[in-house]
Amino acid sequence: MDLQNQKKLIQKIGIGVGILAVLVLVYYLFFKKDTVPVVQSTANVVSGSTMVDNNQASNTLIQLTQLKQAIDGESNVLGTPAFKSLINFSVDVSPEPYGGRENPFAETPAKIKRDAEAKKATTPSYEQTAAPVLSTTPPSGAN
């Protein structure tokens, strides 16, 4: 197999892996259902009386206990000596003096001047000639 064919094969494999990765990502983002367990009711209603399923009740109690332990563990982290020994290295940044233009998108005076000069150079200048004056009075022989 020559070098040119190997490069083409590697490109095809790379493109295939890329397409596969995109398809897997699309599947996980749009089509896969969440696997979060749904808390089911622990009470079964039988002929007007409430009957508790012991297995469901014990599972719910275990989950609530685990949740409480996780919350307590999180708050315990803030009281550890390692957390308390952390040092604040933040630096106060002084405000910069205002040095910008009022409208940063407006044309600069130099550009306006340059455009005016370019326009003056490209437009022909017409000499002003006196236009004939039309009188509003009728000629003397017409009446």
Protein backbone atom coordinates (compact mmCIF):
# COMPACT_ATOMS: atom_id res chain seq x y z
CA MET A 1 0.00 0.00 0.00
CA ASP A 2 1.57 3.28 -1.01
CA LEU A 3 1.71 6.47 1.04
CA GLN A 4 -1.10 8.22 -0.87
CA ASN A 5 -3.57 5.37 -0.23
CA GLN A 6 -2.61 5.28 3.46
CA LYS A 7 -3.36 8.99 3.82
CA LYS A 8 -6.75 8.56 2.17
CA LEU A 9 -7.56 5.59 4.40
CA ILE A 10 -6.59 7.53 7.54
CA GLN A 11 -8.73 10.49 6.40
CA LYS A 12 -11.71 8.22 5.81
CA ILE A 13 -11.30 6.59 9.22
CA GLY A 14 -11.00 10.02 10.89
CA ILE A 15 -14.11 11.30 9.15
CA GLY A 16 -16.00 8.13 10.13
CA VAL A 17 -14.98 8.45 13.79
CA GLY A 18 -15.96 12.14 13.76
CA ILE A 19 -19.39 11.39 12.30
CA LEU A 20 -19.89 8.59 14.82
CA ALA A 21 -18.96 10.92 17.69
CA VAL A 22 -21.45 13.53 16.47
CA LEU A 23 -24.20 10.92 16.18
CA VAL A 24 -23.53 9.65 19.72
CA LEU A 25 -23.59 13.21 21.04
CA VAL A 26 -26.88 13.95 19.27
CA TYR A 27 -28.39 10.73 20.67
CA TYR A 28 -27.39 11.56 24.26
CA LEU A 29 -28.55 15.17 24.00
CA PHE A 30 -31.89 14.69 22.26
CA PHE A 31 -33.12 11.10 22.36
CA LYS A 32 -31.89 9.42 25.53
CA LYS A 33 -34.37 9.48 28.39
CA ASP A 34 -33.25 10.68 31.79
CA THR A 35 -32.59 7.82 34.17
CA VAL A 36 -33.44 9.78 37.31
CA PRO A 37 -35.43 7.49 39.57
CA VAL A 38 -38.98 8.59 40.04
CA VAL A 39 -40.25 8.59 43.61
CA GLN A 40 -43.32 6.45 43.62
CA SER A 41 -46.17 6.65 46.00
CA THR A 42 -45.68 4.54 49.10
CA ALA A 43 -49.35 4.13 49.72
CA ASN A 44 -51.67 1.75 47.97
CA VAL A 45 -55.36 2.46 48.29
CA VAL A 46 -57.35 -0.67 48.85
CA SER A 47 -61.09 -0.40 49.35
CA GLY A 48 -60.93 3.03 50.98
CA SER A 49 -58.14 2.22 53.45
CA THR A 50 -54.46 3.12 53.03
CA MET A 51 -51.94 0.31 52.99
CA VAL A 52 -48.21 1.12 53.06
CA ASP A 53 -45.81 -1.02 51.04
CA ASN A 54 -42.91 -1.72 53.42
CA ASN A 55 -40.32 -2.18 50.66
CA GLN A 56 -41.09 1.17 49.05
CA ALA A 57 -41.21 2.92 52.39
CA SER A 58 -37.82 1.56 53.43
CA ASN A 59 -36.27 2.54 50.06
CA THR A 60 -37.63 6.06 50.43
CA LEU A 61 -36.33 6.28 53.99
CA ILE A 62 -32.87 5.12 52.84
CA GLN A 63 -32.81 7.69 50.05
CA LEU A 64 -33.83 10.48 52.43
CA THR A 65 -31.12 9.44 54.90
CA GLN A 66 -28.48 9.43 52.13
CA LEU A 67 -29.62 12.86 51.01
CA LYS A 68 -29.38 14.22 54.56
CA GLN A 69 -25.89 12.76 54.97
CA ALA A 70 -24.78 14.34 51.67
CA ILE A 71 -26.05 17.75 52.77
CA ASP A 72 -24.40 17.43 56.19
CA GLY A 73 -21.13 16.34 54.55
CA GLU A 74 -21.16 19.39 52.30
CA SER A 75 -21.52 21.76 55.23
CA ASN A 76 -18.76 19.91 57.13
CA VAL A 77 -16.28 20.74 54.36
CA LEU A 78 -16.54 24.42 55.19
CA GLY A 79 -15.45 23.75 58.78
CA THR A 80 -12.34 21.70 58.01
CA PRO A 81 -8.91 23.14 58.87
CA ALA A 82 -7.82 22.80 55.22
CA PHE A 83 -10.67 25.03 54.12
CA LYS A 84 -10.07 27.53 56.91
CA SER A 85 -6.37 27.76 56.05
CA LEU A 86 -7.05 28.98 52.50
CA ILE A 87 -5.67 32.46 51.81
CA ASN A 88 -7.40 35.13 49.77
CA PHE A 89 -5.08 36.26 46.96
CA SER A 90 -7.54 38.62 45.30
CA VAL A 91 -6.25 41.99 44.08
CA ASP A 92 -8.30 45.16 44.03
CA VAL A 93 -8.41 46.62 40.55
CA SER A 94 -8.61 50.38 40.39
CA PRO A 95 -11.03 51.80 37.84
CA GLU A 96 -9.42 53.01 34.63
CA PRO A 97 -9.97 56.63 33.58
CA TYR A 98 -12.43 57.03 30.77
CA GLY A 99 -10.41 57.33 27.60
CA GLY A 100 -12.74 56.13 24.91
CA ARG A 101 -14.89 57.92 22.42
CA GLU A 102 -18.53 58.65 23.12
CA ASN A 103 -19.61 56.61 20.10
CA PRO A 104 -16.93 54.08 19.13
CA PHE A 105 -18.74 53.30 15.87
CA ALA A 106 -18.81 56.89 14.62
CA GLU A 107 -16.29 57.91 12.00
CA THR A 108 -13.20 59.65 13.27
CA PRO A 109 -12.62 63.31 12.37
CA ALA A 110 -9.55 62.34 10.31
CA LYS A 111 -11.64 59.91 8.22
CA ILE A 112 -14.38 62.51 7.70
CA LYS A 113 -11.78 65.03 6.50
CA ARG A 114 -10.13 62.45 4.23
CA ASP A 115 -13.51 61.46 2.71
CA ALA A 116 -14.41 65.12 2.11
CA GLU A 117 -11.10 65.73 0.35
CA ALA A 118 -11.53 62.62 -1.77
CA LYS A 119 -15.06 63.65 -2.70
CA LYS A 120 -13.90 67.14 -3.61
CA ALA A 121 -11.15 65.68 -5.83
CA THR A 122 -13.52 63.34 -7.69
CA THR A 123 -16.50 65.67 -8.24
CA PRO A 124 -16.11 68.06 -11.18
CA SER A 125 -16.30 71.72 -10.28
CA TYR A 126 -18.79 73.70 -12.32
CA GLU A 127 -18.20 77.37 -12.94
CA GLN A 128 -21.12 79.43 -11.93
CA THR A 129 -22.54 81.27 -14.91
CA ALA A 130 -25.19 83.91 -14.81
CA ALA A 131 -28.57 82.56 -15.81
CA PRO A 132 -30.75 84.70 -18.07
CA VAL A 133 -33.26 86.76 -16.10
CA LEU A 134 -36.83 86.28 -17.18
CA SER A 135 -39.03 89.29 -16.88
CA THR A 136 -42.60 88.96 -15.80
CA THR A 137 -43.83 91.97 -17.79
CA PRO A 138 -45.09 91.42 -21.35
CA PRO A 139 -43.18 93.00 -24.24
CA SER A 140 -44.36 96.45 -25.23
CA GLY A 141 -45.80 95.52 -28.65
CA ALA A 142 -48.02 92.69 -27.56
CA ASN A 143 -51.45 93.77 -26.47
